């Protein structure tokens, strides 16, 4: 076997390994970027959800106040009707 054939044989042996390593590195980089993007999206969704929950909580509190007012009005009306 000549020197050039030996070099070619080594290249042929290591080329698939190097290709595999490069493919793994590229895949890892792509996966890392996707994970980072998903983390950003989750964070944004968490923030939006918290804002929506706070708004909903405020709405429920306002609704309770209004129900209490209506309940008081009904009690007053009931009392007025029973007196007449």
PDB file of N, CA and C in Angstrom:
ATOM      1  N   UNK A   1       0.851  -1.162   0.000  1.00  0.00           N
ATOM      2  CA  UNK A   1       0.000   0.000   0.000  1.00  0.00           C
ATOM      3  C   UNK A   1       0.900   1.230   0.000  1.00  0.00           C
ATOM      4  N   UNK A   2       0.614   2.166  -0.893  1.00  0.00           N
ATOM      5  CA  UNK A   2       1.452   3.354  -0.979  1.00  0.00           C
ATOM      6  C   UNK A   2       1.022   4.370   0.077  1.00  0.00           C
ATOM      7  N   UNK A   3       1.839   5.393   0.214  1.00  0.00           N
ATOM      8  CA  UNK A   3       1.593   6.425   1.215  1.00  0.00           C
ATOM      9  C   UNK A   3       0.291   7.173   0.932  1.00  0.00           C
ATOM     10  N   UNK A   4       0.032   7.469  -0.332  1.00  0.00           N
ATOM     11  CA  UNK A   4      -1.185   8.199  -0.683  1.00  0.00           C
ATOM     12  C   UNK A   4      -2.419   7.320  -0.459  1.00  0.00           C
ATOM     13  N   UNK A   5      -2.287   6.027  -0.714  1.00  0.00           N
ATOM     14  CA  UNK A   5      -3.408   5.116  -0.458  1.00  0.00           C
ATOM     15  C   UNK A   5      -3.681   5.017   1.041  1.00  0.00           C
ATOM     16  N   UNK A   6      -2.630   5.026   1.834  1.00  0.00           N
ATOM     17  CA  UNK A   6      -2.767   4.969   3.282  1.00  0.00           C
ATOM     18  C   UNK A   6      -3.473   6.229   3.806  1.00  0.00           C
ATOM     19  N   UNK A   7      -3.074   7.387   3.272  1.00  0.00           N
ATOM     20  CA  UNK A   7      -3.717   8.640   3.668  1.00  0.00           C
ATOM     21  C   UNK A   7      -5.188   8.645   3.261  1.00  0.00           C
ATOM     22  N   UNK A   8      -5.440   8.160   2.038  1.00  0.00           N
ATOM     23  CA  UNK A   8      -6.817   8.107   1.534  1.00  0.00           C
ATOM     24  C   UNK A   8      -7.649   7.160   2.389  1.00  0.00           C
ATOM     25  N   UNK A   9      -7.079   6.071   2.810  1.00  0.00           N
ATOM     26  CA  UNK A   9      -7.764   5.102   3.653  1.00  0.00           C
ATOM     27  C   UNK A   9      -8.120   5.716   5.005  1.00  0.00           C
ATOM     28  N   UNK A  10      -7.171   6.486   5.579  1.00  0.00           N
ATOM     29  CA  UNK A  10      -7.427   7.148   6.856  1.00  0.00           C
ATOM     30  C   UNK A  10      -8.531   8.192   6.712  1.00  0.00           C
ATOM     31  N   UNK A  11      -8.480   8.938   5.605  1.00  0.00           N
ATOM     32  CA  UNK A  11      -9.513   9.949   5.346  1.00  0.00           C
ATOM     33  C   UNK A  11     -10.868   9.271   5.222  1.00  0.00           C
ATOM     34  N   UNK A  12     -10.910   8.169   4.466  1.00  0.00           N
ATOM     35  CA  UNK A  12     -12.165   7.430   4.291  1.00  0.00           C
ATOM     36  C   UNK A  12     -12.677   6.879   5.619  1.00  0.00           C
ATOM     37  N   UNK A  13     -11.772   6.549   6.525  1.00  0.00           N
ATOM     38  CA  UNK A  13     -12.150   6.006   7.821  1.00  0.00           C
ATOM     39  C   UNK A  13     -12.700   7.120   8.735  1.00  0.00           C
ATOM     40  N   UNK A  14     -12.022   8.269   8.746  1.00  0.00           N
ATOM     41  CA  UNK A  14     -12.405   9.339   9.666  1.00  0.00           C
ATOM     42  C   UNK A  14     -13.502  10.257   9.130  1.00  0.00           C
ATOM     43  N   UNK A  15     -13.715  10.290   7.836  1.00  0.00           N
ATOM     44  CA  UNK A  15     -14.705  11.187   7.251  1.00  0.00           C
ATOM     45  C   UNK A  15     -16.115  10.955   7.812  1.00  0.00           C
ATOM     46  N   UNK A  16     -16.598   9.727   7.897  1.00  0.00           N
ATOM     47  CA  UNK A  16     -17.942   9.533   8.478  1.00  0.00           C
ATOM     48  C   UNK A  16     -18.006   9.959   9.949  1.00  0.00           C
ATOM     49  N   UNK A  17     -16.923   9.735  10.688  1.00  0.00           N
ATOM     50  CA  UNK A  17     -16.906  10.123  12.098  1.00  0.00           C
ATOM     51  C   UNK A  17     -16.957  11.639  12.226  1.00  0.00           C
ATOM     52  N   UNK A  18     -16.148  12.328  11.420  1.00  0.00           N
ATOM     53  CA  UNK A  18     -16.127  13.794  11.447  1.00  0.00           C
ATOM     54  C   UNK A  18     -17.482  14.342  11.003  1.00  0.00           C
ATOM     55  N   UNK A  19     -18.053  13.747   9.960  1.00  0.00           N
ATOM     56  CA  UNK A  19     -19.370  14.168   9.473  1.00  0.00           C
ATOM     57  C   UNK A  19     -20.411  14.010  10.573  1.00  0.00           C
ATOM     58  N   UNK A  20     -20.343  12.903  11.284  1.00  0.00           N
ATOM     59  CA  UNK A  20     -21.285  12.646  12.373  1.00  0.00           C
ATOM     60  C   UNK A  20     -21.118  13.680  13.490  1.00  0.00           C
ATOM     61  N   UNK A  21     -19.891  13.987  13.845  1.00  0.00           N
ATOM     62  CA  UNK A  21     -19.627  14.977  14.892  1.00  0.00           C
ATOM     63  C   UNK A  21     -20.155  16.343  14.484  1.00  0.00           C
ATOM     64  N   UNK A  22     -19.914  16.719  13.241  1.00  0.00           N
ATOM     65  CA  UNK A  22     -20.409  18.010  12.740  1.00  0.00           C
ATOM     66  C   UNK A  22     -21.939  18.023  12.746  1.00  0.00           C
ATOM     67  N   UNK A  23     -22.553  16.929  12.316  1.00  0.00           N
ATOM     68  CA  UNK A  23     -24.024  16.860  12.292  1.00  0.00           C
ATOM     69  C   UNK A  23     -24.591  16.978  13.709  1.00  0.00           C
ATOM     70  N   UNK A  24     -23.936  16.332  14.672  1.00  0.00           N
ATOM     71  CA  UNK A  24     -24.387  16.419  16.063  1.00  0.00           C
ATOM     72  C   UNK A  24     -24.236  17.843  16.571  1.00  0.00           C
ATOM     73  N   UNK A  25     -23.121  18.489  16.261  1.00  0.00           N
ATOM     74  CA  UNK A  25     -22.885  19.861  16.709  1.00  0.00           C
ATOM     75  C   UNK A  25     -23.928  20.814  16.122  1.00  0.00           C
ATOM     76  N   UNK A  26     -24.211  20.647  14.842  1.00  0.00           N
ATOM     77  CA  UNK A  26     -25.213  21.502  14.185  1.00  0.00           C
ATOM     78  C   UNK A  26     -26.589  21.233  14.788  1.00  0.00           C
ATOM     79  N   UNK A  27     -26.917  19.961  14.984  1.00  0.00           N
ATOM     80  CA  UNK A  27     -28.211  19.607  15.574  1.00  0.00           C
ATOM     81  C   UNK A  27     -28.336  20.181  16.979  1.00  0.00           C
ATOM     82  N   UNK A  28     -27.269  20.094  17.765  1.00  0.00           N
ATOM     83  CA  UNK A  28     -27.297  20.627  19.114  1.00  0.00           C
ATOM     84  C   UNK A  28     -27.497  22.140  19.094  1.00  0.00           C
ATOM     85  N   UNK A  29     -26.800  22.819  18.183  1.00  0.00           N
ATOM     86  CA  UNK A  29     -26.961  24.267  18.058  1.00  0.00           C
ATOM     87  C   UNK A  29     -28.380  24.636  17.677  1.00  0.00           C
ATOM     88  N   UNK A  30     -28.955  23.896  16.749  1.00  0.00           N
ATOM     89  CA  UNK A  30     -30.336  24.145  16.332  1.00  0.00           C
ATOM     90  C   UNK A  30     -31.293  23.874  17.483  1.00  0.00           C
ATOM     91  N   UNK A  31     -31.083  22.770  18.178  1.00  0.00           N
ATOM     92  CA  UNK A  31     -31.929  22.412  19.311  1.00  0.00           C
ATOM     93  C   UNK A  31     -31.819  23.458  20.414  1.00  0.00           C
ATOM     94  N   UNK A  32     -30.610  23.908  20.684  1.00  0.00           N
ATOM     95  CA  UNK A  32     -30.397  24.927  21.708  1.00  0.00           C
ATOM     96  C   UNK A  32     -31.146  26.211  21.349  1.00  0.00           C
ATOM     97  N   UNK A  33     -31.103  26.597  20.084  1.00  0.00           N
ATOM     98  CA  UNK A  33     -31.810  27.797  19.642  1.00  0.00           C
ATOM     99  C   UNK A  33     -33.319  27.616  19.788  1.00  0.00           C
ATOM    100  N   UNK A  34     -33.813  26.424  19.461  1.00  0.00           N
ATOM    101  CA  UNK A  34     -35.247  26.154  19.588  1.00  0.00           C
ATOM    102  C   UNK A  34     -35.676  26.178  21.053  1.00  0.00           C
ATOM    103  N   UNK A  35     -34.864  25.618  21.926  1.00  0.00           N
ATOM    104  CA  UNK A  35     -35.178  25.629  23.357  1.00  0.00           C
ATOM    105  C   UNK A  35     -35.204  27.058  23.874  1.00  0.00           C
ATOM    106  N   UNK A  36     -34.255  27.853  23.451  1.00  0.00           N
ATOM    107  CA  UNK A  36     -34.206  29.256  23.865  1.00  0.00           C
ATOM    108  C   UNK A  36     -35.462  29.990  23.404  1.00  0.00           C
ATOM    109  N   UNK A  37     -35.871  29.747  22.181  1.00  0.00           N
ATOM    110  CA  UNK A  37     -37.083  30.385  21.649  1.00  0.00           C
ATOM    111  C   UNK A  37     -38.322  29.927  22.423  1.00  0.00           C
ATOM    112  N   UNK A  38     -38.394  28.648  22.739  1.00  0.00           N
ATOM    113  CA  UNK A  38     -39.527  28.134  23.515  1.00  0.00           C
ATOM    114  C   UNK A  38     -39.553  28.730  24.920  1.00  0.00           C
ATOM    115  N   UNK A  39     -38.381  28.898  25.528  1.00  0.00           N
ATOM    116  CA  UNK A  39     -38.321  29.514  26.852  1.00  0.00           C
ATOM    117  C   UNK A  39     -38.852  30.942  26.805  1.00  0.00           C
ATOM    118  N   UNK A  40     -38.506  31.678  25.749  1.00  0.00           N
ATOM    119  CA  UNK A  40     -39.010  33.048  25.592  1.00  0.00           C
ATOM    120  C   UNK A  40     -40.528  33.041  25.443  1.00  0.00           C
ATOM    121  N   UNK A  41     -41.036  32.113  24.623  1.00  0.00           N
ATOM    122  CA  UNK A  41     -42.485  32.035  24.407  1.00  0.00           C
ATOM    123  C   UNK A  41     -43.221  31.688  25.703  1.00  0.00           C
ATOM    124  N   UNK A  42     -42.674  30.740  26.454  1.00  0.00           N
ATOM    125  CA  UNK A  42     -43.291  30.348  27.722  1.00  0.00           C
ATOM    126  C   UNK A  42     -43.304  31.528  28.687  1.00  0.00           C
ATOM    127  N   UNK A  43     -42.197  32.252  28.738  1.00  0.00           N
ATOM    128  CA  UNK A  43     -42.112  33.421  29.613  1.00  0.00           C
ATOM    129  C   UNK A  43     -43.166  34.457  29.221  1.00  0.00           C
ATOM    130  N   UNK A  44     -43.304  34.696  27.930  1.00  0.00           N
ATOM    131  CA  UNK A  44     -44.305  35.649  27.446  1.00  0.00           C
ATOM    132  C   UNK A  44     -45.712  35.181  27.798  1.00  0.00           C
ATOM    133  N   UNK A  45     -45.962  33.879  27.611  1.00  0.00           N
ATOM    134  CA  UNK A  45     -47.278  33.338  27.948  1.00  0.00           C
ATOM    135  C   UNK A  45     -47.548  33.440  29.445  1.00  0.00           C
ATOM    136  N   UNK A  46     -46.540  33.205  30.261  1.00  0.00           N
ATOM    137  CA  UNK A  46     -46.706  33.339  31.711  1.00  0.00           C
ATOM    138  C   UNK A  46     -47.075  34.763  32.081  1.00  0.00           C
ATOM    139  N   UNK A  47     -46.365  35.719  31.474  1.00  0.00           N
ATOM    140  CA  UNK A  47     -46.649  37.125  31.759  1.00  0.00           C
ATOM    141  C   UNK A  47     -48.075  37.489  31.341  1.00  0.00           C
ATOM    142  N   UNK A  48     -48.465  37.061  30.143  1.00  0.00           N
ATOM    143  CA  UNK A  48     -49.820  37.357  29.661  1.00  0.00           C
ATOM    144  C   UNK A  48     -50.868  36.703  30.559  1.00  0.00           C
ATOM    145  N   UNK A  49     -50.599  35.467  30.961  1.00  0.00           N
ATOM    146  CA  UNK A  49     -51.544  34.752  31.811  1.00  0.00           C
ATOM    147  C   UNK A  49     -51.701  35.453  33.149  1.00  0.00           C
ATOM    148  N   UNK A  50     -50.586  35.902  33.722  1.00  0.00           N
ATOM    149  CA  UNK A  50     -50.666  36.624  34.992  1.00  0.00           C
ATOM    150  C   UNK A  50     -51.473  37.904  34.853  1.00  0.00           C
ATOM    151  N   UNK A  51     -51.253  38.631  33.782  1.00  0.00           N
ATOM    152  CA  UNK A  51     -52.006  39.865  33.548  1.00  0.00           C
ATOM    153  C   UNK A  51     -53.492  39.543  33.402  1.00  0.00           C
ATOM    154  N   UNK A  52     -53.802  38.495  32.639  1.00  0.00           N
ATOM    155  CA  UNK A  52     -55.205  38.112  32.447  1.00  0.00           C
ATOM    156  C   UNK A  52     -55.841  37.662  33.761  1.00  0.00           C
ATOM    157  N   UNK A  53     -55.080  36.934  34.585  1.00  0.00           N
ATOM    158  CA  UNK A  53     -55.604  36.497  35.877  1.00  0.00           C
ATOM    159  C   UNK A  53     -55.854  37.684  36.800  1.00  0.00           C
ATOM    160  N   UNK A  54     -54.948  38.648  36.785  1.00  0.00           N
ATOM    161  CA  UNK A  54     -55.145  39.845  37.593  1.00  0.00           C
ATOM    162  C   UNK A  54     -56.382  40.612  37.129  1.00  0.00           C
ATOM    163  N   UNK A  55     -56.552  40.720  35.819  1.00  0.00           N
ATOM    164  CA  UNK A  55     -57.724  41.402  35.272  1.00  0.00           C
ATOM    165  C   UNK A  55     -58.996  40.652  35.653  1.00  0.00           C
ATOM    166  N   UNK A  56     -58.951  39.335  35.540  1.00  0.00           N
ATOM    167  CA  UNK A  56     -60.103  38.511  35.903  1.00  0.00           C
ATOM    168  C   UNK A  56     -60.418  38.655  37.390  1.00  0.00           C
ATOM    169  N   UNK A  57     -59.379  38.659  38.209  1.00  0.00           N
ATOM    170  CA  UNK A  57     -59.572  38.819  39.650  1.00  0.00           C
ATOM    171  C   UNK A  57     -60.216  40.168  39.961  1.00  0.00           C
ATOM    172  N   UNK A  58     -59.747  41.224  39.289  1.00  0.00           N
ATOM    173  CA  UNK A  58     -60.352  42.544  39.475  1.00  0.00           C
ATOM    174  C   UNK A  58     -61.821  42.529  39.056  1.00  0.00           C
ATOM    175  N   UNK A  59     -62.094  41.862  37.936  1.00  0.00           N
ATOM    176  CA  UNK A  59     -63.475  41.763  37.456  1.00  0.00           C
ATOM    177  C   UNK A  59     -64.365  41.016  38.437  1.00  0.00           C
ATOM    178  N   UNK A  60     -63.854  39.926  39.003  1.00  0.00           N
ATOM    179  CA  UNK A  60     -64.626  39.155  39.978  1.00  0.00           C
ATOM    180  C   UNK A  60     -64.868  39.993  41.238  1.00  0.00           C
ATOM    181  N   UNK A  61     -63.852  40.718  41.666  1.00  0.00           N
ATOM    182  CA  UNK A  61     -64.011  41.591  42.843  1.00  0.00           C
ATOM    183  C   UNK A  61     -65.083  42.641  42.580  1.00  0.00           C
ATOM    184  N   UNK A  62     -65.041  43.270  41.413  1.00  0.00           N
ATOM    185  CA  UNK A  62     -66.059  44.271  41.057  1.00  0.00           C
ATOM    186  C   UNK A  62     -67.447  43.637  40.988  1.00  0.00           C
ATOM    187  N   UNK A  63     -67.508  42.434  40.462  1.00  0.00           N
ATOM    188  CA  UNK A  63     -68.786  41.736  40.379  1.00  0.00           C
ATOM    189  C   UNK A  63     -69.338  41.445  41.777  1.00  0.00           C
ATOM    190  N   UNK A  64     -68.472  41.040  42.682  1.00  0.00           N
ATOM    191  CA  UNK A  64     -68.915  40.788  44.063  1.00  0.00           C
ATOM    192  C   UNK A  64     -69.459  42.051  44.705  1.00  0.00           C
ATOM    193  N   UNK A  65     -68.800  43.176  44.453  1.00  0.00           N
ATOM    194  CA  UNK A  65     -69.267  44.455  44.994  1.00  0.00           C
ATOM    195  C   UNK A  65     -70.652  44.778  44.435  1.00  0.00           C
ATOM    196  N   UNK A  66     -70.811  44.596  43.139  1.00  0.00           N
ATOM    197  CA  UNK A  66     -72.099  44.883  42.508  1.00  0.00           C
ATOM    198  C   UNK A  66     -73.186  43.941  43.019  1.00  0.00           C
ATOM    199  N   UNK A  67     -72.864  42.669  43.207  1.00  0.00           N
ATOM    200  CA  UNK A  67     -73.844  41.706  43.735  1.00  0.00           C
ATOM    201  C   UNK A  67     -74.240  42.096  45.155  1.00  0.00           C
ATOM    202  N   UNK A  68     -73.262  42.524  45.952  1.00  0.00           N
ATOM    203  CA  UNK A  68     -73.567  42.959  47.316  1.00  0.00           C
ATOM    204  C   UNK A  68     -74.494  44.177  47.290  1.00  0.00           C
ATOM    205  N   UNK A  69     -74.251  45.106  46.365  1.00  0.00           N
ATOM    206  CA  UNK A  69     -75.112  46.286  46.252  1.00  0.00           C
ATOM    207  C   UNK A  69     -76.535  45.884  45.887  1.00  0.00           C
ATOM    208  N   UNK A  70     -76.648  45.000  44.911  1.00  0.00           N
ATOM    209  CA  UNK A  70     -77.967  44.543  44.479  1.00  0.00           C
ATOM    210  C   UNK A  70     -78.659  43.801  45.621  1.00  0.00           C
ATOM    211  N   UNK A  71     -77.909  42.991  46.338  1.00  0.00           N
ATOM    212  CA  UNK A  71     -78.473  42.265  47.475  1.00  0.00           C
ATOM    213  C   UNK A  71     -78.987  43.235  48.538  1.00  0.00           C
ATOM    214  N   UNK A  72     -78.201  44.253  48.829  1.00  0.00           N
ATOM    215  CA  UNK A  72     -78.648  45.275  49.789  1.00  0.00           C
ATOM    216  C   UNK A  72     -79.891  45.999  49.293  1.00  0.00           C
ATOM    217  N   UNK A  73     -79.899  46.325  48.000  1.00  0.00           N
ATOM    218  CA  UNK A  73     -81.072  46.993  47.418  1.00  0.00           C
ATOM    219  C   UNK A  73     -82.304  46.112  47.519  1.00  0.00           C
ATOM    220  N   UNK A  74     -82.130  44.823  47.266  1.00  0.00           N
ATOM    221  CA  UNK A  74     -83.264  43.895  47.345  1.00  0.00           C
ATOM    222  C   UNK A  74     -83.768  43.773  48.779  1.00  0.00           C
ATOM    223  N   UNK A  75     -82.845  43.715  49.718  1.00  0.00           N
ATOM    224  CA  UNK A  75     -83.243  43.656  51.128  1.00  0.00           C
ATOM    225  C   UNK A  75     -84.015  44.916  51.516  1.00  0.00           C
ATOM    226  N   UNK A  76     -83.519  46.062  51.061  1.00  0.00           N
ATOM    227  CA  UNK A  76     -84.199  47.324  51.340  1.00  0.00           C
ATOM    228  C   UNK A  76     -85.596  47.323  50.724  1.00  0.00           C
ATOM    229  N   UNK A  77     -85.674  46.885  49.448  1.00  0.00           N
ATOM    230  CA  UNK A  77     -86.963  46.844  48.758  1.00  0.00           C
ATOM    231  C   UNK A  77     -87.910  45.879  49.451  1.00  0.00           C
ATOM    232  N   UNK A  78     -87.427  44.761  49.878  1.00  0.00           N
ATOM    233  CA  UNK A  78     -88.239  43.768  50.580  1.00  0.00           C
ATOM    234  C   UNK A  78     -88.796  44.368  51.882  1.00  0.00           C
ATOM    235  N   UNK A  79     -87.922  45.087  52.569  1.00  0.00           N
ATOM    236  CA  UNK A  79     -88.334  45.728  53.817  1.00  0.00           C
ATOM    237  C   UNK A  79     -89.382  46.783  53.559  1.00  0.00           C
ATOM    238  N   UNK A  80     -89.173  47.580  52.511  1.00  0.00           N
ATOM    239  CA  UNK A  80     -90.136  48.633  52.142  1.00  0.00           C
ATOM    240  C   UNK A  80     -91.488  48.024  51.769  1.00  0.00           C
ATOM    241  N   UNK A  81     -91.465  46.927  51.034  1.00  0.00           N
ATOM    242  CA  UNK A  81     -92.705  46.292  50.583  1.00  0.00           C
ATOM    243  C   UNK A  81     -93.456  45.686  51.770  1.00  0.00           C
ATOM    244  N   UNK A  82     -92.725  45.149  52.724  1.00  0.00           N
ATOM    245  CA  UNK A  82     -93.398  44.522  53.868  1.00  0.00           C
ATOM    246  C   UNK A  82     -93.994  45.564  54.806  1.00  0.00           C
ATOM    247  N   UNK A  83     -93.452  46.774  54.808  1.00  0.00           N
ATOM    248  CA  UNK A  83     -93.980  47.842  55.645  1.00  0.00           C
ATOM    249  C   UNK A  83     -95.258  48.427  55.067  1.00  0.00           C
ATOM    250  N   UNK A  84     -95.505  48.257  53.816  1.00  0.00           N
ATOM    251  CA  UNK A  84     -96.698  48.864  53.176  1.00  0.00           C
ATOM    252  C   UNK A  84     -97.835  47.934  53.117  1.00  0.00           C
TER     253      UNK A  84
END
